[in-house]
Amino acid sequence: MNTREKVAALRALMKKHGVAAYYIPSADPHLSEYLPECWKRRAWLSGFTGSAGELVIGRRGAGLWTDGRYFLQAELELAGSGIALMKLGHPDTPSMTEWVAGHLRRGEALGIDPSVISVTAAEDFEEKLEAAGVRVKYIARNLVDRIWRDQPEPSLAPLRRYSNRLAGESVDRKLTRLRAAMHQEGCRAHVIGALDEIAWLLNVRGEDILHTPVVISYAVVTDRTATLYVDPRKVTKSVATVLAPRVRVKPYTAVADDLKALARRPVRVWLDGNTTNRWIYGLLKQSDIYWGTSPITAFKSVKNRVQIEGITAAHVRDGVAMVKFLRWLEPAIRKGGVTEISAADKLYALRAEDSLLRDLSFATISGYAGNGAIIHYSATPQSDKRLRPRGLYLVDSGGQYLDGTTDITRTVTLGKPTNRQKECFTRVLMGMIDCTMTPFPSGTPGYRQEMFARRALWAIGEDYNHGTGHGVGQYLGVHEGPQSLKNVMAPPLVEGNLLSIEPGHYEAGKFGIRIENLAFVVRDQKYSSDERTWYRFAAVTLCPIDRRLIDKKLMTGGQVAWLNAYHKRVYRGLRPHLDSEHRKWLQRVTRPI
């Protein structure tokens, strides 16, 4: 079926279930950002493959809401589908609830699968639609599944233990910390649905989601027990034996009956409204519920000494792969035959020379010329451009190593750059440097630090339509909260946080520029005192920045000094791991400007 035929089949089912519209988010029962193949319902139905987007199919109209990273991609992928693109952040774009209220009559209902919407989002739908006289009707079996005839089966990849030697903290210690936080709020049970939080807490990893080493599961921790709900076919005897002293393993489907039983007990249950789906809440409605962000979210975001050492080592090896790739790139292009896809494949092959690599951390963004302006571009055989010795090439990529997750973006010129390209590149670089080197006092949320990344672009009336930085896990999600350089609701940055810093500039149909480093939040010894602690960012990414695209005249002395010091550290850090030819190349491209 094409998209129009799929939508027609869904509308027939909607009529049978008495709903005038149906909501299809990019979500699974664990509200994951990236989804297993079996739950990519929105992508299958609409044809839009971006990782962020929410779809509503009405009786007559349909709309897909996504953010600025995906506007160009969504326009291409939704063409001819009959689904309207709703550009989040644009003043003339109605919210989803406004659109539903405007398309449905009073007394009609919006259908929702309760397992793929958070409690917080569900309450928002209910509250706003009730004011318009529109009901929310929860339908237990997802309607898209009923028309998706070749829907993939869930993964049966094995559950794996993650050693204390890499995690730096035992499961016993993590459970003790969690129970202490629960006790402080008078809670005797905590239900956990977020897959990265379960993986971190129980020191387990999996392969159920491409590029994200987690396992489909739920967990329930009480003051005395911890239970992991997972398909038993994934649990080997050795893993079960290691978990057994402290963690019970039960079938994934057993969570429903156990939560119903928990609801009958006189205990206070901790739920996180942002990471708990509405179906779970329905099972626990009669419980005494404490609503709050899971303590695991903050625990996981602060890397311990062992994790910092592992992540730093992973970035050295990742930097070696990047240097080999960048040195290979231009001579290969001159010979001919290099495309966006083959370049991405080459970079993966170079990373795979490291025995600790397990996967990419996300699908590589390999964008040449105009494709580089598509912020989250994904090359396909139809869009795959041949790289030529002119124009700009943007590559945003990362690896999942056993000791750390990497995420790096570099933009390089393949010929003589224009003055416009050099100015824009330099201002993006200035923003990355300013955000990195500006110290900040304790208590500072990331969104306040973000302005430094945009300032040089704002000075010429330019901006970029994405966040400046996100948290990153350790052999976990490449996007991790709560730390953020965008979200105004995020808590203050603290020592041990790991974030990306990635300003950019994009000109549709022409070129895209982004420069991204990962950096730890560290104590600033110069400004800290007994009265107040100050922090700064310390870049952990090691990779040269294209000097040919820099207009030094635009930069301050401090920015130039930072770049020269960074390049000196890149050379010293990577030199011992390179052969003589790569060392010579790296020495040349990291010369002071």
Protein backbone atom coordinates (compact mmCIF):
# COMPACT_ATOMS: atom_id res chain seq x y z
CA MET A 1 0.00 0.00 0.00
CA ASN A 2 1.08 3.56 -0.60
CA THR A 3 0.55 6.23 2.04
CA ARG A 4 -2.89 7.26 0.80
CA GLU A 5 -4.05 3.63 0.81
CA LYS A 6 -2.70 3.11 4.33
CA VAL A 7 -4.49 6.23 5.57
CA ALA A 8 -7.73 5.05 3.94
CA ALA A 9 -7.44 1.66 5.68
CA LEU A 10 -6.81 3.37 9.00
CA ARG A 11 -9.84 5.63 8.54
CA ALA A 12 -12.02 2.57 8.01
CA LEU A 13 -10.82 1.18 11.35
CA MET A 14 -11.31 4.56 13.03
CA LYS A 15 -14.96 4.52 11.95
CA LYS A 16 -15.45 1.04 13.46
CA HIS A 17 -13.99 2.22 16.78
CA GLY A 18 -16.05 5.40 16.88
CA VAL A 19 -13.20 7.92 16.67
CA ALA A 20 -13.02 10.88 14.32
CA ALA A 21 -9.23 11.21 14.51
CA TYR A 22 -6.31 8.99 15.53
CA TYR A 23 -2.98 9.97 17.07
CA ILE A 24 0.23 8.22 15.97
CA PRO A 25 3.35 9.49 17.74
CA SER A 26 6.95 8.52 17.18
CA ALA A 27 6.95 6.46 20.36
CA ASP A 28 6.83 2.95 21.76
CA PRO A 29 5.61 1.68 25.17
CA HIS A 30 8.87 2.96 26.67
CA LEU A 31 8.59 6.40 25.04
CA SER A 32 11.94 5.91 23.34
CA GLU A 33 13.41 8.50 21.00
CA TYR A 34 14.68 5.86 18.58
CA LEU A 35 12.38 2.92 17.99
CA PRO A 36 12.74 -0.79 17.28
CA GLU A 37 11.66 -1.68 13.76
CA CYS A 38 8.46 -3.34 15.00
CA TRP A 39 7.16 -0.07 16.48
CA LYS A 40 8.01 2.45 13.75
CA ARG A 41 4.31 2.98 13.08
CA ARG A 42 4.38 6.67 12.20
CA ALA A 43 7.19 6.16 9.69
CA TRP A 44 5.45 3.20 8.07
CA LEU A 45 2.11 4.98 7.76
CA SER A 46 3.26 8.44 6.68
CA GLY A 47 6.51 7.79 4.82
CA PHE A 48 8.31 10.39 6.95
CA THR A 49 11.38 8.68 8.43
CA GLY A 50 12.74 11.38 10.74
CA SER A 51 13.19 10.41 14.38
CA ALA A 52 10.90 13.16 15.72
CA GLY A 53 7.35 13.70 14.55
CA GLU A 54 3.74 13.19 15.59
CA LEU A 55 0.92 12.34 13.23
CA VAL A 56 -2.84 12.87 13.49
CA ILE A 57 -5.17 11.31 10.94
CA GLY A 58 -8.62 12.89 10.84
CA ARG A 59 -11.70 11.86 8.88
CA ARG A 60 -10.90 14.43 6.23
CA GLY A 61 -7.49 15.94 6.90
CA ALA A 62 -4.16 14.79 8.34
CA GLY A 63 -1.17 16.60 9.79
CA LEU A 64 2.38 15.77 10.85
CA TRP A 65 4.13 17.95 13.44
CA THR A 66 7.93 18.04 13.48
CA ASP A 67 10.71 20.48 14.36
CA GLY A 68 13.18 22.51 12.31
CA ARG A 69 15.72 19.70 12.00
CA TYR A 70 13.32 17.90 9.66
CA PHE A 71 11.41 20.56 7.70
CA LEU A 72 13.23 19.96 4.40
CA GLN A 73 13.22 16.19 4.82
CA ALA A 74 9.53 16.10 5.75
CA GLU A 75 8.53 18.22 2.75
CA LEU A 76 10.22 15.71 0.45
CA GLU A 77 8.94 12.56 2.15
CA LEU A 78 5.34 13.75 2.63
CA ALA A 79 4.95 14.99 -0.95
CA GLY A 80 1.81 13.51 -2.50
CA SER A 81 0.71 11.77 0.70
CA GLY A 82 -2.17 14.09 1.54
CA ILE A 83 -0.57 14.73 4.96
CA ALA A 84 0.10 18.38 5.75
CA LEU A 85 3.45 19.35 7.29
CA MET A 86 3.02 21.29 10.52
CA LYS A 87 6.20 23.23 11.29
CA LEU A 88 6.70 23.42 15.04
CA GLY A 89 7.85 26.84 16.21
CA HIS A 90 6.26 28.73 13.32
CA PRO A 91 3.72 31.31 14.50
CA ASP A 92 1.09 30.20 11.96
CA THR A 93 1.34 26.52 12.91
CA PRO A 94 -1.56 25.36 15.12
CA SER A 95 -0.74 23.08 18.02
CA MET A 96 -1.88 19.50 17.65
CA THR A 97 -4.73 19.98 20.10
CA GLU A 98 -5.83 23.16 18.29
CA TRP A 99 -5.86 21.27 15.00
CA VAL A 100 -7.87 18.38 16.48
CA ALA A 101 -10.34 20.76 18.13
CA GLY A 102 -10.79 22.56 14.81
CA HIS A 103 -11.38 19.37 12.80
CA LEU A 104 -13.64 17.49 15.23
CA ARG A 105 -17.16 18.36 16.31
CA ARG A 106 -18.29 18.51 19.92
CA GLY A 107 -18.85 15.04 21.30
CA GLU A 108 -16.48 13.35 18.84
CA ALA A 109 -13.39 11.49 20.00
CA LEU A 110 -9.65 11.35 19.34
CA GLY A 111 -8.34 7.78 19.48
CA ILE A 112 -5.04 7.07 21.26
CA ASP A 113 -3.11 3.90 22.07
CA PRO A 114 -2.44 4.43 25.82
CA SER A 115 0.86 2.54 25.67
CA VAL A 116 2.58 5.06 23.37
CA ILE A 117 1.78 8.32 25.12
CA SER A 118 3.19 9.60 28.41
CA VAL A 119 0.94 10.38 31.33
CA THR A 120 1.92 14.05 31.05
CA ALA A 121 1.07 14.24 27.34
CA ALA A 122 -2.18 12.32 27.82
CA GLU A 123 -3.34 14.73 30.51
CA ASP A 124 -2.49 17.66 28.24
CA PHE A 125 -4.63 16.17 25.44
CA GLU A 126 -7.52 15.48 27.81
CA GLU A 127 -7.47 18.94 29.39
CA LYS A 128 -7.21 20.94 26.17
CA LEU A 129 -9.65 18.87 24.13
CA GLU A 130 -12.23 18.75 26.92
CA ALA A 131 -12.48 22.54 26.69
CA ALA A 132 -13.47 22.11 23.03
CA GLY A 133 -15.97 19.35 23.80
CA VAL A 134 -13.77 16.64 22.23
CA ARG A 135 -13.18 13.36 24.05
CA VAL A 136 -10.03 11.24 24.25
CA LYS A 137 -10.75 7.56 23.72
CA TYR A 138 -8.03 5.07 24.67
CA ILE A 139 -7.93 2.02 22.39
CA ALA A 140 -5.87 -0.84 23.80
CA ARG A 141 -4.74 -2.44 20.54
CA ASN A 142 -2.89 -0.07 18.24
CA LEU A 143 -4.91 0.48 15.07
CA VAL A 144 -1.83 0.80 12.86
CA ASP A 145 -0.75 -2.71 13.87
CA ARG A 146 -4.04 -4.05 12.52
CA ILE A 147 -3.34 -2.83 8.99
CA TRP A 148 0.46 -3.33 8.98
CA ARG A 149 0.53 -6.77 7.42
CA ASP A 150 4.31 -7.23 7.19
CA GLN A 151 5.09 -5.65 10.58
CA PRO A 152 8.48 -6.93 11.83
CA GLU A 153 8.65 -9.20 14.86
CA PRO A 154 10.23 -7.85 18.08
CA SER A 155 13.96 -8.44 18.45
CA LEU A 156 15.25 -11.55 20.21
CA ALA A 157 18.80 -10.23 20.59
CA PRO A 158 20.32 -11.49 23.85
CA LEU A 159 20.50 -9.46 27.04
CA ARG A 160 24.11 -8.74 28.03
CA ARG A 161 25.74 -7.78 31.30
CA TYR A 162 27.68 -4.51 31.44
CA SER A 163 30.67 -4.99 33.71
CA ASN A 164 31.40 -2.90 36.80
CA ARG A 165 34.85 -2.36 35.31
CA LEU A 166 33.22 -0.17 32.63
CA ALA A 167 30.23 1.17 34.57
CA GLY A 168 32.29 2.16 37.60
CA GLU A 169 29.43 1.29 39.96
CA SER A 170 27.74 -1.95 40.95
CA VAL A 171 24.03 -2.75 40.69
CA ASP A 172 23.92 -3.08 44.49
CA ARG A 173 25.24 0.45 44.92
CA LYS A 174 22.84 1.86 42.33
CA LEU A 175 19.83 0.14 43.93
CA THR A 176 20.90 1.45 47.34
CA ARG A 177 21.02 5.01 46.01
CA LEU A 178 17.65 4.62 44.30
CA ARG A 179 15.99 3.21 47.42
CA ALA A 180 17.39 6.04 49.51
CA ALA A 181 15.78 8.55 47.14
CA MET A 182 12.51 6.58 47.24
CA HIS A 183 12.55 6.48 51.05
CA GLN A 184 13.03 10.24 51.18
CA GLU A 185 9.69 10.68 49.38
CA GLY A 186 7.93 7.96 51.34
CA CYS A 187 7.81 5.58 48.35
CA ARG A 188 8.15 1.83 48.59
CA ALA A 189 7.99 1.08 44.85
CA HIS A 190 9.25 2.70 41.66
CA VAL A 191 8.06 1.62 38.21
CA ILE A 192 10.59 2.25 35.44
CA GLY A 193 9.73 2.20 31.75
CA ALA A 194 12.59 4.17 30.15
CA LEU A 195 14.94 1.66 28.54
CA ASP A 196 18.15 3.61 29.08
CA GLU A 197 17.32 4.03 32.78
CA ILE A 198 16.76 0.29 33.16
CA ALA A 199 20.01 -0.47 31.31
CA TRP A 200 21.97 1.93 33.50
CA LEU A 201 20.40 0.82 36.79
CA LEU A 202 20.84 -2.93 36.26
CA ASN A 203 24.12 -2.76 34.29
CA VAL A 204 22.65 -4.52 31.27
CA ARG A 205 22.73 -3.77 27.56
CA GLY A 206 20.92 -5.13 24.51
CA GLU A 207 20.48 -4.81 20.76
CA ASP A 208 16.74 -4.24 20.45
CA ILE A 209 17.04 -0.74 18.98
CA LEU A 210 19.43 0.09 16.17
CA HIS A 211 22.37 2.21 17.42
CA THR A 212 21.08 2.27 21.03
CA PRO A 213 22.26 -0.67 23.19
CA VAL A 214 19.12 -1.23 25.28
CA VAL A 215 16.70 -4.11 25.79
CA ILE A 216 12.89 -3.89 25.64
CA SER A 217 11.86 -4.28 29.26
CA TYR A 218 10.20 -2.83 32.33
CA ALA A 219 11.59 -2.73 35.85
CA VAL A 220 9.95 -2.43 39.25
CA VAL A 221 12.09 -1.64 42.27
CA THR A 222 10.60 -1.88 45.76
CA ASP A 223 12.19 -1.31 49.14
CA ARG A 224 13.11 -5.01 49.17
CA THR A 225 13.09 -6.38 45.61
CA ALA A 226 14.01 -5.52 42.05
CA THR A 227 12.30 -7.17 39.09
CA LEU A 228 13.24 -7.02 35.42
CA TYR A 229 10.43 -7.83 32.96
CA VAL A 230 11.91 -9.03 29.69
CA ASP A 231 11.27 -11.68 27.06
CA PRO A 232 12.80 -14.80 28.72
CA ARG A 233 14.17 -15.96 25.37
CA LYS A 234 16.70 -13.12 25.56
CA VAL A 235 18.12 -14.11 28.95
CA THR A 236 20.95 -16.62 28.92
CA LYS A 237 21.65 -18.82 31.94
CA SER A 238 24.89 -16.96 32.67
CA VAL A 239 23.18 -13.57 32.70
CA ALA A 240 20.32 -14.89 34.82
CA THR A 241 22.84 -16.26 37.31
CA VAL A 242 24.64 -12.93 37.60
CA LEU A 243 21.38 -11.04 38.09
CA ALA A 244 19.77 -13.58 40.44
CA PRO A 245 21.14 -12.43 43.82
CA ARG A 246 19.63 -8.97 43.50
CA VAL A 247 17.28 -8.89 40.47
CA ARG A 248 14.41 -11.23 39.69
CA VAL A 249 13.72 -11.86 35.99
CA LYS A 250 10.12 -12.32 34.86
CA PRO A 251 8.43 -12.39 31.43
CA TYR A 252 7.80 -9.02 29.79
CA THR A 253 4.07 -9.71 29.65
CA ALA A 254 3.90 -10.41 33.40
CA VAL A 255 4.24 -6.72 34.24
CA ALA A 256 0.49 -6.07 33.84
CA ASP A 257 -0.63 -8.61 36.48
CA ASP A 258 2.16 -7.58 38.84
CA LEU A 259 1.22 -3.91 38.61
CA LYS A 260 -2.43 -4.74 39.25
CA ALA A 261 -1.30 -6.62 42.36
CA LEU A 262 0.90 -3.70 43.39
CA ALA A 263 -2.08 -1.35 43.08
CA ARG A 264 -3.94 -3.42 45.67
CA ARG A 265 -1.17 -2.95 48.24
CA PRO A 266 -1.08 0.06 50.60
CA VAL A 267 2.22 1.39 49.28
CA ARG A 268 3.22 4.68 47.73
CA VAL A 269 4.44 4.25 44.14
CA TRP A 270 6.86 6.61 42.38
CA LEU A 271 5.98 7.34 38.75
CA ASP A 272 7.67 9.73 36.34
CA GLY A 273 4.90 11.31 34.28
CA ASN A 274 7.25 12.05 31.40
CA THR A 275 8.62 8.52 31.01
CA THR A 276 5.63 6.43 32.15
CA ASN A 277 3.01 5.57 29.55
CA ARG A 278 -0.71 6.07 30.09
CA TRP A 279 -1.35 2.29 30.03
CA ILE A 280 0.90 1.78 33.07
CA TYR A 281 -0.87 4.58 34.92
CA GLY A 282 -4.22 2.95 34.11
CA LEU A 283 -3.08 -0.20 35.93
CA LEU A 284 -1.96 1.79 38.98
CA LYS A 285 -4.71 4.39 39.12
CA GLN A 286 -5.91 3.24 42.54
CA SER A 287 -2.42 3.49 44.08
CA ASP A 288 -1.03 6.28 46.20
CA ILE A 289 1.16 7.78 43.48
CA TYR A 290 4.07 10.14 43.94
CA TRP A 291 4.75 12.05 40.72
CA GLY A 292 8.32 13.13 40.11
CA THR A 293 11.26 12.82 37.77
CA SER A 294 12.94 9.47 38.31
CA PRO A 295 16.08 9.78 40.47
CA ILE A 296 17.80 7.60 37.90
CA THR A 297 17.67 10.45 35.37
CA ALA A 298 20.03 12.61 37.44
CA PHE A 299 22.15 9.68 38.65
CA LYS A 300 22.80 8.55 35.09
CA SER A 301 23.73 12.02 33.84
CA VAL A 302 26.67 12.41 36.24
CA LYS A 303 29.59 10.34 35.03
CA ASN A 304 31.90 8.83 37.64
CA ARG A 305 35.68 8.67 37.42
CA VAL A 306 35.73 5.27 35.70
CA GLN A 307 33.14 6.39 33.14
CA ILE A 308 35.04 9.61 32.42
CA GLU A 309 38.23 7.64 31.82
CA GLY A 310 36.42 5.23 29.51
CA ILE A 311 34.65 7.95 27.56
CA THR A 312 37.91 9.87 27.18
CA ALA A 313 39.68 6.75 25.87
CA ALA A 314 36.84 6.09 23.42
CA HIS A 315 37.19 9.61 22.03
CA VAL A 316 40.90 9.13 21.41
CA ARG A 317 40.19 6.03 19.31
CA ASP A 318 37.26 7.76 17.61
CA GLY A 319 39.52 10.70 16.83
CA VAL A 320 42.00 8.36 15.18
CA ALA A 321 39.23 7.03 12.92
CA MET A 322 38.14 10.58 12.06
CA VAL A 323 41.71 11.61 11.16
CA LYS A 324 42.10 8.59 8.90
CA PHE A 325 38.79 9.42 7.25
CA LEU A 326 39.51 13.11 6.68
CA ARG A 327 42.96 12.37 5.26
CA TRP A 328 41.44 9.75 2.91
CA LEU A 329 38.54 11.93 1.76
CA GLU A 330 39.96 14.51 -0.64
CA PRO A 331 42.37 12.26 -2.59
CA ALA A 332 39.54 9.71 -2.93
CA ILE A 333 37.19 12.38 -4.27
CA ARG A 334 39.74 13.47 -6.86
CA LYS A 335 39.99 9.85 -8.06
CA GLY A 336 36.19 9.82 -8.38
CA GLY A 337 33.37 7.56 -7.29
CA VAL A 338 32.93 8.76 -3.70
CA THR A 339 29.30 9.38 -2.74
CA GLU A 340 27.57 10.39 0.48
CA ILE A 341 26.75 6.75 1.25
CA SER A 342 30.16 5.35 0.34
CA ALA A 343 31.87 8.05 2.42
CA ALA A 344 29.71 7.12 5.42
CA ASP A 345 30.52 3.44 4.83
CA LYS A 346 34.24 4.25 4.75
CA LEU A 347 34.01 6.10 8.07
CA TYR A 348 32.19 3.16 9.63
CA ALA A 349 34.86 0.76 8.37
CA LEU A 350 37.58 2.89 9.94
CA ARG A 351 35.76 2.97 13.27
CA ALA A 352 35.22 -0.79 13.05
CA GLU A 353 39.00 -1.30 13.13
CA ASP A 354 38.59 -0.77 16.89
CA SER A 355 37.66 -4.05 18.62
CA LEU A 356 35.58 -2.15 21.21
CA LEU A 357 33.18 -0.71 18.62
CA ARG A 358 29.74 -2.30 18.80
CA ASP A 359 27.67 -0.05 16.52
CA LEU A 360 27.19 3.48 15.29
CA SER A 361 25.58 5.78 17.83
CA PHE A 362 23.10 6.96 15.15
CA ALA A 363 22.73 6.77 11.40
CA THR A 364 25.55 8.86 9.93
CA ILE A 365 24.53 12.21 8.47
CA SER A 366 26.66 12.49 5.33
CA GLY A 367 25.56 15.57 3.40
CA TYR A 368 27.24 17.15 0.42
CA ALA A 369 26.38 20.65 -0.88
CA GLY A 370 22.61 21.25 -0.60
CA ASN A 371 22.01 17.99 1.26
CA GLY A 372 24.18 19.34 4.06
CA ALA A 373 21.49 21.95 4.68
CA ILE A 374 19.02 19.22 5.66
CA ILE A 375 19.79 19.17 9.37
CA HIS A 376 19.07 15.48 10.01
CA TYR A 377 19.69 14.30 6.46
CA SER A 378 19.78 10.57 5.76
CA ALA A 379 21.22 9.65 2.37
CA THR A 380 19.23 7.15 0.31
CA PRO A 381 20.07 5.52 -3.02
CA GLN A 382 17.75 8.11 -4.61
CA SER A 383 19.34 11.15 -2.92
CA ASP A 384 22.95 9.89 -2.78
CA LYS A 385 25.14 12.66 -4.22
CA ARG A 386 28.57 12.16 -5.70
CA LEU A 387 31.19 14.23 -3.87
CA ARG A 388 33.19 16.51 -6.16
CA PRO A 389 36.29 18.69 -5.57
CA ARG A 390 34.23 21.76 -4.78
CA GLY A 391 31.65 22.84 -2.21
CA LEU A 392 31.16 21.85 1.42
CA TYR A 393 30.71 18.41 2.94
CA LEU A 394 29.13 17.87 6.38
CA VAL A 395 29.50 14.61 8.30
CA ASP A 396 27.78 14.09 11.66
CA SER A 397 28.52 10.67 13.10
CA GLY A 398 29.40 8.68 16.17
CA GLY A 399 30.25 5.28 17.56
CA GLN A 400 28.95 3.03 20.29
CA TYR A 401 32.10 1.73 21.96
CA LEU A 402 31.97 -0.50 25.02
CA ASP A 403 33.57 2.25 27.09
CA GLY A 404 31.85 5.29 25.61
CA THR A 405 29.47 6.86 23.12
CA THR A 406 30.77 9.46 20.66
CA ASP A 407 29.06 12.13 18.55
CA ILE A 408 31.03 14.50 16.33
CA THR A 409 30.31 16.81 13.40
CA ARG A 410 32.87 18.27 11.06
CA THR A 411 32.32 20.38 7.96
CA VAL A 412 35.11 20.50 5.38
CA THR A 413 35.67 22.30 2.11
CA LEU A 414 36.35 20.14 -0.94
CA GLY A 415 37.58 23.05 -3.05
CA LYS A 416 38.11 26.78 -2.75
CA PRO A 417 35.44 28.14 -0.36
CA THR A 418 33.48 31.31 -1.06
CA ASN A 419 33.73 34.33 1.22
CA ARG A 420 30.16 33.65 2.36
CA GLN A 421 31.01 30.08 3.31
CA LYS A 422 34.10 31.21 5.21
CA GLU A 423 32.22 33.88 7.14
CA CYS A 424 29.42 31.52 8.11
CA PHE A 425 31.83 28.73 9.06
CA THR A 426 33.92 31.09 11.15
CA ARG A 427 30.89 32.41 13.00
CA VAL A 428 29.68 28.88 13.73
CA LEU A 429 33.17 28.09 15.02
CA MET A 430 33.20 31.26 17.14
CA GLY A 431 29.93 30.17 18.69
CA MET A 432 31.24 26.70 19.50
CA ILE A 433 34.36 28.20 21.04
CA ASP A 434 32.50 30.88 23.04
CA CYS A 435 30.05 28.35 24.48
CA THR A 436 32.94 26.04 25.41
CA MET A 437 35.33 28.51 26.97
CA THR A 438 32.91 30.77 28.86
CA PRO A 439 32.84 29.77 32.55
CA PHE A 440 29.53 29.70 34.41
CA PRO A 441 28.53 29.63 38.09
CA SER A 442 26.85 26.67 39.77
CA GLY A 443 23.10 26.80 39.35
CA THR A 444 23.31 27.79 35.67
CA PRO A 445 20.88 25.89 33.39
CA GLY A 446 22.17 24.99 29.96
CA TYR A 447 19.79 27.21 28.02
CA ARG A 448 21.50 30.28 29.51
CA GLN A 449 24.89 29.08 28.31
CA GLU A 450 23.47 28.43 24.84
CA MET A 451 23.30 32.11 23.91
CA PHE A 452 27.08 32.19 23.62
CA ALA A 453 26.87 29.64 20.80
CA ARG A 454 24.44 31.82 18.83
CA ARG A 455 25.89 35.26 19.48
CA ALA A 456 28.30 35.45 16.52
CA LEU A 457 25.57 34.38 14.11
CA TRP A 458 22.99 36.71 15.63
CA ALA A 459 25.42 39.57 15.02
CA ILE A 460 24.76 39.19 11.26
CA GLY A 461 21.07 38.32 11.54
CA GLU A 462 21.51 34.54 11.23
CA ASP A 463 20.38 31.67 13.44
CA TYR A 464 19.90 27.89 13.34
CA ASN A 465 16.75 25.88 13.86
CA HIS A 466 17.91 23.25 16.35
CA GLY A 467 19.20 23.00 19.90
CA THR A 468 22.84 23.67 20.62
CA GLY A 469 23.53 20.66 22.78
CA HIS A 470 22.22 17.47 24.37
CA GLY A 471 23.45 15.06 26.99
CA VAL A 472 25.20 11.86 25.95
CA GLY A 473 25.25 8.50 27.72
CA GLN A 474 28.04 5.99 28.26
CA TYR A 475 27.48 3.13 25.82
CA LEU A 476 23.83 4.17 25.94
CA GLY A 477 21.71 6.78 24.20
CA VAL A 478 23.48 9.41 22.14
CA HIS A 479 20.75 11.77 23.38
CA GLU A 480 20.40 11.75 27.15
CA GLY A 481 18.66 13.98 29.67
CA PRO A 482 18.21 15.90 31.78
CA GLN A 483 21.22 18.02 30.81
CA SER A 484 20.58 20.18 27.77
CA LEU A 485 21.69 23.39 26.06
CA LYS A 486 18.17 24.01 24.82
CA ASN A 487 15.41 22.87 27.15
CA VAL A 488 14.34 25.71 29.46
CA MET A 489 12.96 23.11 31.90
CA ALA A 490 16.27 21.27 32.25
CA PRO A 491 18.01 21.44 35.65
CA PRO A 492 21.30 23.29 36.16
CA LEU A 493 24.45 21.78 34.72
CA VAL A 494 26.63 19.91 37.21
CA GLU A 495 30.11 18.44 37.26
CA GLY A 496 30.25 15.12 35.44
CA ASN A 497 27.62 15.99 32.83
CA LEU A 498 28.60 15.20 29.24
CA LEU A 499 27.07 17.36 26.51
CA SER A 500 27.40 18.15 22.84
CA ILE A 501 28.10 21.71 21.69
CA GLU A 502 26.99 22.00 18.06
CA PRO A 503 25.97 25.34 16.52
CA GLY A 504 25.29 25.43 12.80
CA HIS A 505 24.24 27.41 9.74
CA TYR A 506 22.18 26.15 6.79
CA GLU A 507 21.30 27.60 3.40
CA ALA A 508 18.67 25.50 1.63
CA GLY A 509 19.86 24.01 -1.64
CA LYS A 510 23.39 25.36 -1.15
CA PHE A 511 25.31 24.11 1.89
CA GLY A 512 25.17 23.27 5.57
CA ILE A 513 27.71 23.96 8.31
CA ARG A 514 27.87 22.39 11.75
CA ILE A 515 30.79 21.95 14.15
CA GLU A 516 30.25 19.64 17.11
CA ASN A 517 32.39 18.61 20.04
CA LEU A 518 31.40 16.70 23.15
CA ALA A 519 32.50 18.24 26.43
CA PHE A 520 32.42 17.42 30.13
CA VAL A 521 31.25 19.90 32.74
CA VAL A 522 34.24 20.35 35.06
CA ARG A 523 35.05 22.55 38.05
CA ASP A 524 36.73 25.82 37.06
CA GLN A 525 39.63 26.12 39.47
CA LYS A 526 40.38 29.73 38.58
CA TYR A 527 37.03 31.19 39.63
CA SER A 528 35.75 28.70 42.21
CA SER A 529 35.92 29.69 45.86
CA ASP A 530 34.57 28.61 49.22
CA GLU A 531 31.54 30.83 48.57
CA ARG A 532 30.65 29.55 45.10
CA THR A 533 31.64 26.89 42.62
CA TRP A 534 32.21 27.77 38.99
CA TYR A 535 32.19 25.35 36.07
CA ARG A 536 33.47 25.26 32.51
CA PHE A 537 33.32 22.88 29.57
CA ALA A 538 36.28 20.63 28.79
CA ALA A 539 36.17 19.26 25.24
CA VAL A 540 36.68 15.50 25.04
CA THR A 541 36.33 15.23 21.23
CA LEU A 542 39.69 15.15 19.46
CA CYS A 543 39.56 16.02 15.77
CA PRO A 544 40.91 18.88 13.65
CA ILE A 545 38.68 21.72 12.46
CA ASP A 546 39.12 22.80 8.84
CA ARG A 547 41.50 25.79 8.94
CA ARG A 548 40.82 26.57 5.25
CA LEU A 549 37.31 27.72 6.14
CA ILE A 550 38.39 30.13 8.88
CA ASP A 551 38.49 33.90 8.46
CA LYS A 552 40.82 34.80 11.33
CA LYS A 553 39.98 38.51 11.03
CA LEU A 554 36.51 37.85 12.44
CA MET A 555 37.80 36.14 15.56
CA THR A 556 38.89 37.58 18.89
CA GLY A 557 42.32 36.93 20.33
CA GLY A 558 40.77 34.64 22.93
CA GLN A 559 39.00 32.58 20.30
CA VAL A 560 42.18 32.18 18.25
CA ALA A 561 44.12 31.17 21.36
CA TRP A 562 41.47 28.58 22.27
CA LEU A 563 41.52 27.07 18.78
CA ASN A 564 45.31 26.88 18.64
CA ALA A 565 45.43 25.26 22.09
CA TYR A 566 42.71 22.80 21.08
CA HIS A 567 44.53 21.82 17.90
CA LYS A 568 47.74 21.36 19.88
CA ARG A 569 45.90 18.98 22.22
CA VAL A 570 44.37 17.13 19.25
CA TYR A 571 47.83 16.56 17.77
CA ARG A 572 49.43 15.48 21.03
CA GLY A 573 46.50 13.22 21.94
CA LEU A 574 46.25 11.41 18.61
CA ARG A 575 49.88 11.40 17.43
CA PRO A 576 50.97 8.29 19.36
CA HIS A 577 48.22 6.24 17.69
CA LEU A 578 48.97 7.19 14.07
CA ASP A 579 51.52 6.08 11.50
CA SER A 580 54.03 8.56 10.10
CA GLU A 581 51.91 9.63 7.10
CA HIS A 582 48.85 10.37 9.21
CA ARG A 583 51.01 12.17 11.80
CA LYS A 584 52.43 14.44 9.10
CA TRP A 585 48.95 15.21 7.79
CA LEU A 586 47.61 15.88 11.29
CA GLN A 587 50.54 18.14 12.14
CA ARG A 588 49.86 20.20 9.02
CA VAL A 589 46.11 20.63 9.57
CA THR A 590 46.53 21.53 13.26
CA ARG A 591 49.09 24.29 12.72
CA PRO A 592 48.30 27.55 14.58
CA ILE A 593 46.23 30.01 12.58
